[in-house]
Protein backbone atom coordinates (compact mmCIF):
# COMPACT_ATOMS: atom_id res chain seq x y z
CA MET A 1 0.00 0.00 0.00
CA ARG A 2 1.17 3.52 -0.83
CA ILE A 3 0.06 6.52 1.20
CA TYR A 4 0.49 10.20 0.42
CA ASN A 5 2.40 11.54 3.42
CA THR A 6 1.66 15.22 4.10
CA LEU A 7 4.99 15.49 5.90
CA THR A 8 7.08 14.53 2.84
CA ARG A 9 4.55 15.66 0.17
CA LYS A 10 4.84 12.36 -1.69
CA LYS A 11 3.38 8.88 -1.86
CA GLU A 12 5.33 6.40 0.21
CA GLU A 13 5.13 2.66 0.67
CA PHE A 14 3.24 1.94 3.87
CA VAL A 15 5.44 -0.08 6.22
CA PRO A 16 3.81 -0.75 9.61
CA ILE A 17 5.90 -0.42 12.77
CA ASP A 18 4.45 -3.74 13.94
CA GLU A 19 2.85 -6.12 11.43
CA LYS A 20 0.62 -7.45 14.19
CA GLU A 21 -1.04 -4.12 15.00
CA ILE A 22 -1.35 -0.86 13.07
CA LYS A 23 -1.72 2.20 15.28
CA VAL A 24 -3.93 5.01 13.96
CA TYR A 25 -4.91 8.28 15.64
CA VAL A 26 -7.67 10.41 14.12
CA CYS A 27 -8.60 13.78 15.59
CA GLY A 28 -12.18 13.68 16.84
CA PRO A 29 -14.87 16.32 17.33
CA THR A 30 -15.16 19.17 19.80
CA VAL A 31 -18.50 18.20 21.30
CA TYR A 32 -20.58 21.39 21.56
CA ASN A 33 -22.97 20.70 18.66
CA TYR A 34 -23.98 18.08 16.09
CA PHE A 35 -21.23 17.48 13.55
CA HIS A 36 -21.54 18.97 10.06
CA ILE A 37 -20.99 17.42 6.62
CA GLY A 38 -17.40 18.70 6.56
CA ASN A 39 -16.66 16.86 9.83
CA ALA A 40 -18.29 13.74 8.43
CA ARG A 41 -15.74 13.41 5.64
CA PRO A 42 -12.69 12.50 7.81
CA PHE A 43 -14.86 10.30 10.03
CA VAL A 44 -16.02 8.27 7.01
CA VAL A 45 -12.74 8.40 5.02
CA PHE A 46 -10.51 7.13 7.81
CA ASP A 47 -13.11 4.62 8.95
CA THR A 48 -12.88 3.25 5.39
CA LEU A 49 -9.09 3.11 5.70
CA ARG A 50 -9.50 1.13 8.90
CA LYS A 51 -12.04 -1.23 7.32
CA TYR A 52 -9.69 -1.88 4.41
CA LEU A 53 -6.68 -2.56 6.64
CA GLU A 54 -8.77 -4.99 8.68
CA TYR A 55 -10.02 -6.60 5.48
CA ARG A 56 -6.38 -7.19 4.53
CA GLY A 57 -5.84 -9.02 7.79
CA TYR A 58 -4.34 -6.35 10.04
CA ASN A 59 -5.37 -5.69 13.60
CA VAL A 60 -5.93 -1.92 13.82
CA LYS A 61 -5.80 -0.03 17.09
CA TYR A 62 -7.82 3.05 16.20
CA VAL A 63 -7.99 5.98 18.62
CA GLN A 64 -10.28 8.98 18.13
CA ASN A 65 -10.54 11.54 20.90
CA PHE A 66 -13.39 13.71 22.12
CA THR A 67 -12.49 17.31 22.97
CA ASP A 68 -14.89 17.66 25.89
CA VAL A 69 -13.55 20.91 27.37
CA ASP A 70 -13.06 23.94 25.14
CA ASP A 71 -14.03 27.62 24.77
CA LYS A 72 -16.96 26.68 22.50
CA ILE A 73 -18.28 24.15 25.01
CA ILE A 74 -18.01 26.68 27.85
CA LYS A 75 -19.82 29.30 25.72
CA ARG A 76 -22.64 26.86 24.87
CA ALA A 77 -22.97 25.88 28.56
CA LYS A 78 -23.36 29.54 29.59
CA GLU A 79 -25.94 30.12 26.85
CA GLU A 80 -28.00 27.14 28.00
CA GLY A 81 -27.43 27.69 31.73
CA ILE A 82 -25.99 24.20 32.26
CA GLN A 83 -22.62 22.68 33.13
CA ALA A 84 -19.97 22.25 30.43
CA SER A 85 -19.93 18.52 31.20
CA GLU A 86 -23.65 18.30 30.38
CA VAL A 87 -23.06 19.93 26.98
CA SER A 88 -20.21 17.57 26.09
CA GLU A 89 -22.04 14.47 27.36
CA LYS A 90 -25.09 15.32 25.26
CA TYR A 91 -23.15 15.83 22.04
CA ILE A 92 -20.93 12.77 22.52
CA GLU A 93 -24.14 10.75 22.62
CA GLU A 94 -25.42 12.56 19.51
CA TYR A 95 -22.10 11.99 17.72
CA PHE A 96 -22.49 8.24 18.10
CA LYS A 97 -26.04 8.33 16.71
CA ASP A 98 -24.95 10.09 13.51
CA ALA A 99 -21.65 8.19 13.16
CA GLU A 100 -23.41 4.84 13.55
CA ALA A 101 -25.99 5.89 10.96
CA LEU A 102 -23.09 6.48 8.54
CA ASN A 103 -21.72 2.99 9.39
CA VAL A 104 -18.67 4.47 11.12
CA LYS A 105 -17.33 1.92 13.61
CA HIS A 106 -16.60 2.92 17.17
CA ALA A 107 -12.90 3.56 17.65
CA THR A 108 -10.93 1.05 19.68
CA LEU A 109 -10.72 3.86 22.22
CA HIS A 110 -12.53 7.20 22.46
CA PRO A 111 -10.51 9.01 25.15
CA ARG A 112 -11.73 12.33 26.53
CA VAL A 113 -9.67 15.32 27.61
CA THR A 114 -11.33 15.46 31.03
CA GLU A 115 -10.39 11.84 31.75
CA ASN A 116 -6.68 12.44 31.08
CA MET A 117 -5.96 15.61 33.02
CA THR A 118 -3.22 14.12 35.22
CA ASP A 119 -1.34 12.92 32.13
CA ILE A 120 -1.75 16.31 30.44
CA ILE A 121 -0.36 18.18 33.46
CA CYS A 122 2.57 15.73 33.70
CA PHE A 123 3.31 16.15 29.98
CA ILE A 124 3.41 19.96 30.36
CA GLU A 125 5.65 19.72 33.43
CA ARG A 126 8.17 17.68 31.46
CA LEU A 127 8.13 20.21 28.59
CA ILE A 128 8.88 22.98 31.12
CA GLU A 129 11.74 20.94 32.59
CA LYS A 130 13.26 20.52 29.11
CA GLY A 131 13.00 24.24 28.38
CA TYR A 132 10.27 23.92 25.74
CA ALA A 133 7.59 25.72 27.75
CA TYR A 134 7.33 28.68 30.10
CA GLU A 135 4.84 30.20 32.54
CA VAL A 136 3.23 33.64 32.42
CA ASP A 137 0.65 34.49 35.14
CA GLY A 138 -0.60 30.91 35.44
CA ASP A 139 -0.68 30.35 31.65
CA ILE A 140 1.83 27.95 30.10
CA TYR A 141 3.11 28.56 26.56
CA TYR A 142 5.11 26.37 24.22
CA ASN A 143 8.39 27.99 23.13
CA THR A 144 8.31 27.47 19.34
CA ALA A 145 11.74 29.08 18.83
CA LYS A 146 13.27 26.27 20.88
CA PHE A 147 11.99 23.58 18.46
CA SER A 148 14.14 23.98 15.35
CA GLU A 149 11.82 21.92 13.10
CA TYR A 150 8.69 23.96 13.82
CA GLY A 151 6.79 24.35 10.56
CA LYS A 152 8.00 21.15 8.89
CA LEU A 153 4.50 19.71 8.41
CA SER A 154 2.76 22.82 7.05
CA ARG A 155 5.95 24.12 5.38
CA GLN A 156 5.08 27.64 6.37
CA ASN A 157 7.76 30.27 6.85
CA MET A 158 7.35 31.15 10.50
CA GLN A 159 9.01 34.55 10.08
CA GLU A 160 6.52 35.59 7.40
CA LEU A 161 3.37 34.44 9.18
CA ASP A 162 1.08 37.19 10.37
CA SER A 163 0.92 36.91 14.15
CA GLY A 164 -2.83 37.49 13.99
CA ALA A 165 -3.58 34.70 11.53
CA ARG A 166 -5.12 31.68 13.29
CA ILE A 167 -3.02 32.25 16.40
CA GLU A 168 -3.88 34.02 19.61
CA VAL A 169 -2.25 37.48 19.86
CA ASP A 170 -0.77 37.93 23.32
CA THR A 171 2.03 40.41 24.08
CA ARG A 172 3.09 38.33 27.06
CA LYS A 173 4.36 35.59 24.74
CA ARG A 174 8.07 35.47 23.87
CA ASN A 175 7.20 34.80 20.24
CA PRO A 176 3.91 35.44 18.36
CA MET A 177 3.91 31.78 17.27
CA ASP A 178 4.04 30.43 20.83
CA PHE A 179 0.81 28.67 21.78
CA ALA A 180 -1.01 27.86 25.01
CA LEU A 181 -0.46 24.50 26.70
CA TRP A 182 -2.40 25.51 29.81
CA LYS A 183 -4.91 28.35 30.32
CA ALA A 184 -5.40 29.91 33.75
CA GLN A 185 -8.96 30.02 35.06
CA LYS A 186 -10.57 33.39 34.16
CA SER A 187 -13.54 33.31 36.57
CA ASP A 188 -14.63 31.24 39.56
CA ASP A 189 -17.51 29.65 37.66
CA GLU A 190 -15.31 28.49 34.74
CA ILE A 191 -14.54 24.77 34.60
CA SER A 192 -10.99 24.15 35.84
CA TRP A 193 -8.53 21.69 37.35
CA LYS A 194 -5.81 22.15 39.96
CA SER A 195 -2.26 22.29 38.61
CA PRO A 196 1.22 23.37 39.78
CA TRP A 197 0.47 26.74 38.10
CA GLY A 198 -2.93 27.28 39.68
CA LYS A 199 -6.42 26.38 38.51
CA GLY A 200 -6.95 26.16 34.78
CA ARG A 201 -7.52 23.89 31.81
CA PRO A 202 -5.46 22.60 28.89
CA GLY A 203 -5.00 24.32 25.54
CA TRP A 204 -6.41 22.60 22.48
CA HIS A 205 -3.26 21.04 20.97
CA ILE A 206 -1.78 19.33 24.03
CA GLU A 207 -4.63 16.84 24.40
CA CYS A 208 -3.89 14.92 21.19
CA SER A 209 -0.15 14.71 21.91
CA VAL A 210 -0.91 13.26 25.32
CA MET A 211 -3.62 10.80 24.25
CA SER A 212 -1.77 9.61 21.15
CA THR A 213 1.36 8.92 23.20
CA LYS A 214 -0.54 7.40 26.13
CA PHE A 215 -2.72 4.99 24.17
CA LEU A 216 -0.63 4.24 21.08
CA GLY A 217 3.00 4.91 21.98
CA GLU A 218 5.66 7.52 21.23
CA THR A 219 5.65 6.84 17.48
CA ILE A 220 2.50 5.68 15.69
CA ASP A 221 1.82 4.50 12.16
CA ILE A 222 -0.77 6.99 10.92
CA HIS A 223 -2.06 10.31 12.24
CA ALA A 224 -5.04 11.64 10.30
CA GLY A 225 -7.59 14.41 10.09
CA GLY A 226 -8.98 17.19 7.92
CA GLN A 227 -6.69 19.49 5.95
CA ASP A 228 -7.62 22.39 8.22
CA LEU A 229 -5.77 20.64 11.07
CA ILE A 230 -2.34 20.71 9.37
CA PHE A 231 -1.69 24.15 10.84
CA PRO A 232 -1.71 24.93 13.65
CA HIS A 233 -3.09 21.80 15.34
CA HIS A 234 -0.95 19.01 13.87
CA GLU A 235 2.08 21.27 13.57
CA ASN A 236 1.81 21.96 17.28
CA GLU A 237 1.28 18.30 18.13
CA ILE A 238 4.56 17.48 16.39
CA ALA A 239 6.38 20.24 18.27
CA GLN A 240 5.07 19.10 21.65
CA SER A 241 5.52 15.36 21.19
CA GLU A 242 8.84 15.30 19.38
CA ALA A 243 10.40 17.84 21.73
CA LEU A 244 9.53 15.54 24.62
CA THR A 245 10.35 12.12 23.15
CA GLY A 246 12.97 12.93 20.52
CA LYS A 247 11.10 10.53 18.19
CA PRO A 248 8.72 11.06 15.23
CA LEU A 249 5.14 11.40 16.42
CA ALA A 250 3.80 9.57 13.34
CA ASN A 251 5.37 7.90 10.32
CA TYR A 252 2.52 8.92 7.98
CA TRP A 253 0.30 11.98 8.08
CA MET A 254 -2.97 11.80 6.10
CA HIS A 255 -5.28 14.76 5.49
CA ASN A 256 -8.56 14.92 3.60
CA GLU A 257 -9.62 17.93 1.51
CA PHE A 258 -12.64 20.15 2.17
CA ILE A 259 -16.26 19.88 1.09
CA ASN A 260 -17.82 22.75 -0.87
CA ILE A 261 -21.54 23.38 -0.89
CA ASP A 262 -22.90 24.10 -4.38
CA ASN A 263 -19.35 25.06 -5.44
CA GLU A 264 -18.93 27.50 -2.56
CA LYS A 265 -16.97 27.18 0.68
CA MET A 266 -19.23 26.10 3.52
CA SER A 267 -19.84 28.89 6.05
CA LYS A 268 -22.56 29.89 8.50
CA SER A 269 -22.64 33.44 7.10
CA LYS A 270 -23.58 32.11 3.64
CA GLY A 271 -26.31 29.93 5.07
CA ASN A 272 -24.87 26.81 3.43
CA PHE A 273 -23.79 25.15 6.67
CA PHE A 274 -25.35 21.68 6.94
CA MET A 275 -25.42 19.43 9.98
CA VAL A 276 -25.35 15.71 9.19
CA ARG A 277 -28.35 15.29 11.50
CA ASP A 278 -30.42 17.50 9.18
CA ILE A 279 -29.14 15.83 5.99
CA LEU A 280 -30.10 12.40 7.35
CA LYS A 281 -33.70 13.54 7.76
CA GLU A 282 -33.91 13.73 3.97
CA TYR A 283 -31.40 11.15 2.72
CA ASP A 284 -30.52 7.57 3.63
CA PRO A 285 -27.27 7.58 5.66
CA GLU A 286 -25.69 5.10 3.24
CA VAL A 287 -26.38 7.52 0.38
CA VAL A 288 -24.38 10.15 2.29
CA ARG A 289 -21.57 7.69 2.95
CA LEU A 290 -21.42 6.68 -0.72
CA PHE A 291 -21.30 10.35 -1.69
CA LEU A 292 -18.40 10.98 0.73
CA ILE A 293 -16.25 8.14 -0.64
CA SER A 294 -17.09 8.68 -4.32
CA GLY A 295 -14.28 11.22 -4.61
CA HIS A 296 -10.61 10.77 -3.69
CA TYR A 297 -10.05 11.95 -0.13
CA ARG A 298 -7.32 14.41 -1.19
CA SER A 299 -9.59 16.12 -3.72
CA PRO A 300 -12.27 18.68 -2.80
CA ILE A 301 -15.81 17.41 -3.28
CA ASN A 302 -18.93 19.41 -3.96
CA PHE A 303 -22.09 18.74 -1.95
CA SER A 304 -25.18 19.50 -4.02
CA ARG A 305 -28.67 18.11 -4.38
CA GLU A 306 -27.82 16.88 -7.88
CA LEU A 307 -24.75 14.94 -6.70
CA ILE A 308 -26.48 13.48 -3.65
CA MET A 309 -29.28 12.27 -5.94
CA GLN A 310 -26.66 10.60 -8.14
CA ALA A 311 -25.38 8.83 -5.02
CA LYS A 312 -28.95 7.82 -4.16
CA ASN A 313 -29.42 6.27 -7.61
CA SER A 314 -26.04 4.54 -7.38
CA LEU A 315 -26.91 3.01 -4.01
CA ALA A 316 -30.19 1.79 -5.49
CA ARG A 317 -28.22 -0.03 -8.21
CA LEU A 318 -26.12 -1.75 -5.55
CA ASN A 319 -29.22 -2.72 -3.58
CA ASN A 320 -30.90 -4.08 -6.71
CA ALA A 321 -27.84 -6.19 -7.56
CA LYS A 322 -27.84 -7.62 -4.03
CA THR A 323 -31.58 -8.31 -4.10
CA ASN A 324 -31.40 -9.99 -7.51
CA MET A 325 -28.56 -12.27 -6.41
CA GLU A 326 -30.48 -13.22 -3.27
CA HIS A 327 -33.47 -14.07 -5.47
CA TYR A 328 -31.36 -16.32 -7.72
CA LEU A 329 -29.72 -17.95 -4.68
CA ASN A 330 -33.19 -18.95 -3.49
CA THR A 331 -34.38 -20.21 -6.88
CA ALA A 332 -31.24 -21.81 -8.42
CA LYS A 333 -31.81 -25.43 -9.44
CA ASP A 334 -28.23 -26.48 -10.17
CA PHE A 335 -26.02 -26.48 -7.10
CA GLU A 336 -22.67 -27.30 -8.72
CA LEU A 337 -20.73 -24.86 -10.91
CA LEU A 338 -21.64 -25.35 -14.58
CA PRO A 339 -18.76 -25.91 -17.07
CA GLU A 340 -19.35 -22.64 -18.95
CA GLU A 341 -19.40 -20.68 -15.66
CA SER A 342 -15.81 -21.49 -14.59
CA ALA A 343 -14.03 -19.20 -17.08
CA LYS A 344 -16.63 -16.49 -16.57
CA LEU A 345 -16.17 -16.65 -12.79
CA LYS A 346 -12.39 -16.43 -13.08
CA GLY A 347 -12.69 -13.21 -15.09
CA ILE A 348 -15.20 -11.62 -12.72
CA LEU A 349 -13.16 -12.46 -9.63
CA ARG A 350 -10.34 -10.27 -11.01
CA HIS A 351 -12.40 -7.31 -9.84
CA LYS A 352 -11.14 -8.05 -6.35
CA GLU A 353 -7.53 -7.48 -7.45
CA ARG A 354 -8.48 -4.22 -9.14
CA PHE A 355 -10.43 -3.11 -6.06
CA CYS A 356 -7.41 -3.75 -3.83
CA GLU A 357 -5.09 -2.00 -6.27
CA ALA A 358 -7.28 1.11 -6.07
CA MET A 359 -7.48 1.05 -2.28
CA GLU A 360 -3.74 0.51 -1.98
CA ASP A 361 -3.03 3.48 -4.24
CA ASP A 362 -3.40 6.08 -1.47
CA LEU A 363 -6.89 4.92 -0.49
CA ASN A 364 -8.42 5.69 -3.88
CA THR A 365 -12.03 5.02 -2.91
CA ALA A 366 -13.24 6.77 -6.08
CA ASP A 367 -11.63 4.10 -8.27
CA ALA A 368 -12.65 1.35 -5.84
CA VAL A 369 -16.30 2.43 -6.11
CA SER A 370 -15.97 2.37 -9.91
CA VAL A 371 -14.65 -1.20 -9.74
CA VAL A 372 -17.66 -2.24 -7.65
CA PHE A 373 -20.02 -0.85 -10.30
CA GLU A 374 -18.10 -2.70 -13.02
CA LEU A 375 -18.57 -5.82 -10.91
CA VAL A 376 -22.32 -5.08 -10.71
CA ARG A 377 -22.48 -4.70 -14.50
CA ASP A 378 -20.78 -8.08 -14.98
CA ILE A 379 -23.05 -9.71 -12.40
CA ASN A 380 -26.16 -8.31 -14.07
CA THR A 381 -25.13 -9.68 -17.48
CA SER A 382 -23.87 -13.03 -16.14
CA VAL A 383 -26.46 -14.13 -13.59
CA THR A 384 -29.71 -15.54 -14.94
CA ASP A 385 -32.39 -17.93 -13.79
CA LYS A 386 -30.26 -20.69 -15.34
CA SER A 387 -27.17 -19.90 -13.24
CA SER A 388 -25.93 -22.44 -10.71
CA LYS A 389 -26.14 -21.72 -7.00
CA ALA A 390 -22.34 -22.12 -6.68
CA PHE A 391 -21.80 -19.43 -9.34
CA VAL A 392 -24.20 -16.96 -7.75
CA GLN A 393 -22.78 -17.67 -4.28
CA GLU A 394 -19.23 -16.80 -5.38
CA LEU A 395 -20.38 -13.55 -6.97
CA TYR A 396 -22.56 -12.70 -3.98
CA ARG A 397 -19.67 -13.35 -1.59
CA LEU A 398 -17.32 -11.08 -3.57
CA PHE A 399 -19.93 -8.35 -3.94
CA THR A 400 -20.84 -8.25 -0.24
CA GLU A 401 -17.14 -8.40 0.69
CA LEU A 402 -16.23 -5.32 -1.37
CA VAL A 403 -19.26 -3.19 -0.49
CA GLY A 404 -18.65 -4.14 3.16
CA VAL A 405 -15.12 -2.70 3.01
CA LEU A 406 -16.69 0.54 1.74
CA GLY A 407 -19.19 0.47 4.61
CA LEU A 408 -22.21 0.09 2.32
CA LEU A 409 -25.29 -2.17 2.37
CA GLN A 410 -24.81 -2.85 6.06
CA LYS A 411 -28.48 -2.70 7.05
CA GLU A 412 -30.08 -5.88 8.29
CA GLU A 413 -33.23 -7.22 6.71
CA ILE A 414 -35.77 -7.96 9.43
CA GLN A 415 -36.67 -11.65 9.49
CA GLU A 416 -39.47 -11.47 12.06
CA VAL A 417 -41.83 -8.53 11.68
CA ASP A 418 -44.65 -7.42 13.99
CA GLU A 419 -48.10 -7.93 12.50
CA SER A 420 -48.81 -4.20 12.92
CA VAL A 421 -45.85 -3.44 10.63
CA LEU A 422 -46.99 -5.96 8.02
CA ILE A 423 -50.46 -4.38 8.03
CA LEU A 424 -48.92 -0.95 7.34
CA VAL A 425 -46.71 -2.38 4.59
CA GLU A 426 -49.75 -3.98 2.95
CA GLU A 427 -51.71 -0.74 3.28
CA ARG A 428 -48.84 1.15 1.65
CA GLN A 429 -48.72 -1.32 -1.25
CA GLN A 430 -52.46 -0.85 -1.79
CA ALA A 431 -52.08 2.94 -1.63
CA ARG A 432 -49.36 2.80 -4.28
CA LYS A 433 -51.58 0.67 -6.56
CA GLU A 434 -54.33 3.26 -6.18
CA LYS A 435 -51.77 6.02 -6.87
CA ASN A 436 -52.44 7.48 -3.42
CA PHE A 437 -48.79 8.44 -3.02
CA LYS A 438 -49.48 10.88 -0.19
CA ARG A 439 -50.75 8.05 2.03
CA ALA A 440 -47.93 5.74 0.87
CA ASP A 441 -45.35 8.36 1.88
CA GLU A 442 -47.06 8.91 5.24
CA ILE A 443 -46.80 5.18 6.00
CA ARG A 444 -43.15 5.10 4.90
CA ASP A 445 -42.36 8.04 7.23
CA GLU A 446 -44.32 6.45 10.09
CA LEU A 447 -42.30 3.24 9.77
CA LYS A 448 -39.04 5.18 9.42
CA ALA A 449 -39.77 6.88 12.75
CA LYS A 450 -39.93 3.37 14.23
CA GLY A 451 -36.50 2.52 12.81
CA ILE A 452 -37.80 0.57 9.80
CA THR A 453 -36.91 1.31 6.19
CA LEU A 454 -38.83 -0.06 3.20
CA GLU A 455 -37.04 -0.78 -0.06
CA ASP A 456 -39.07 -1.47 -3.19
CA THR A 457 -37.44 -4.08 -5.41
CA SER A 458 -38.45 -6.14 -8.43
CA GLN A 459 -38.97 -9.06 -6.03
CA GLY A 460 -41.22 -7.09 -3.68
CA VAL A 461 -40.77 -4.94 -0.58
CA ARG A 462 -37.75 -5.49 1.68
CA ILE A 463 -38.26 -4.54 5.34
CA ILE A 464 -34.97 -3.34 6.78
CA LYS A 465 -33.71 -1.99 10.08
CA SER A 466 -32.96 1.67 9.54
CA GLY A 467 -29.39 2.96 9.98
CA HIS A 468 -30.54 5.16 12.87
């Protein structure tokens, strides 16, 4: 596998530190709100990376943090008149609802800042001892001038950077680029922890250095996140961690590009700022996931109604292929592979090699998705009511394997259904026959609210557990 390493600006062969376990750290959300479609992209992209590595036989230790103390969380808590911990707890729970809907697996560990305060304070103390940090009125700052490689990830000229651009202006700092490791408590009602420098809380960047090192080790295989994290967040992580350990923080740095909305940058001021929670009210979560992996992760993608509808139609093609194969599996008369099917099967199975080649070329999910649709085309032209069960089984196994790696078609068809549900399904079918589409849609929405999705296929209605 070859991965584009942001640090070196080139594709490199991926060589794990330990073949038995690949260590991956992905920066998680600051939990003060539902996550938006831009946040969803790294969650889905790097979940797909994990799924592929596991598919290839690796054990992956995957850590994604929750920033559960932050200025935005404190602001939201004051607005709502509740504790900061209540805000973060609520939106951690909501994160899991939306992530699970998108078929994003839980990380091996989801550490929180508030659960690792002792380690954070200890980490800062050691940086002070080594001369990489200093105290000013209870605040602790990292001394960027002391770390000679500062800027190596973002490749920004530190001397030319405007001190007001994306960094906190503070005349007490020795250097405009110095950043906060610890922030002194500003008021008695502000959430804080005791430290050698007085009450306060950690700065944003220190948490990931501490949790990556604590749970994965001093050097990890892959550190990943959105492109907006390259500077200052990941740059600062490198400075903190490598100053302390003298070792590389990560061997490979992966960053996904942004999402535009109708060809414009997403922003609240433009009114084109979409929460995933709202998008999922209108579109199937797997449609959104397919949309997010249909482009290469290092290319910008454009979120528009037209493109999401294309993803919806594409997912329908995948569902139809799956349904048709299941129909032929149930009706096939010949169990053994027929002579004319052997050569045909051999050719179709080559799609697996092409799928893996795409995924191993810097996680090219766009090409991998294309391979899956080529597989679907070959299945549709090769499988008939005369096909053997062995032939259909092999194609079905390959198809479900590959779409599973992409995190698609993961809903479960309900085998035992309450009679009340069956009555509604029958009523909906009758409404559709009578062209009473308003009533049919009402029934569909009623069942969806109960966690049941209906899919109309050529073989009838499939009753499926919803992704929510």
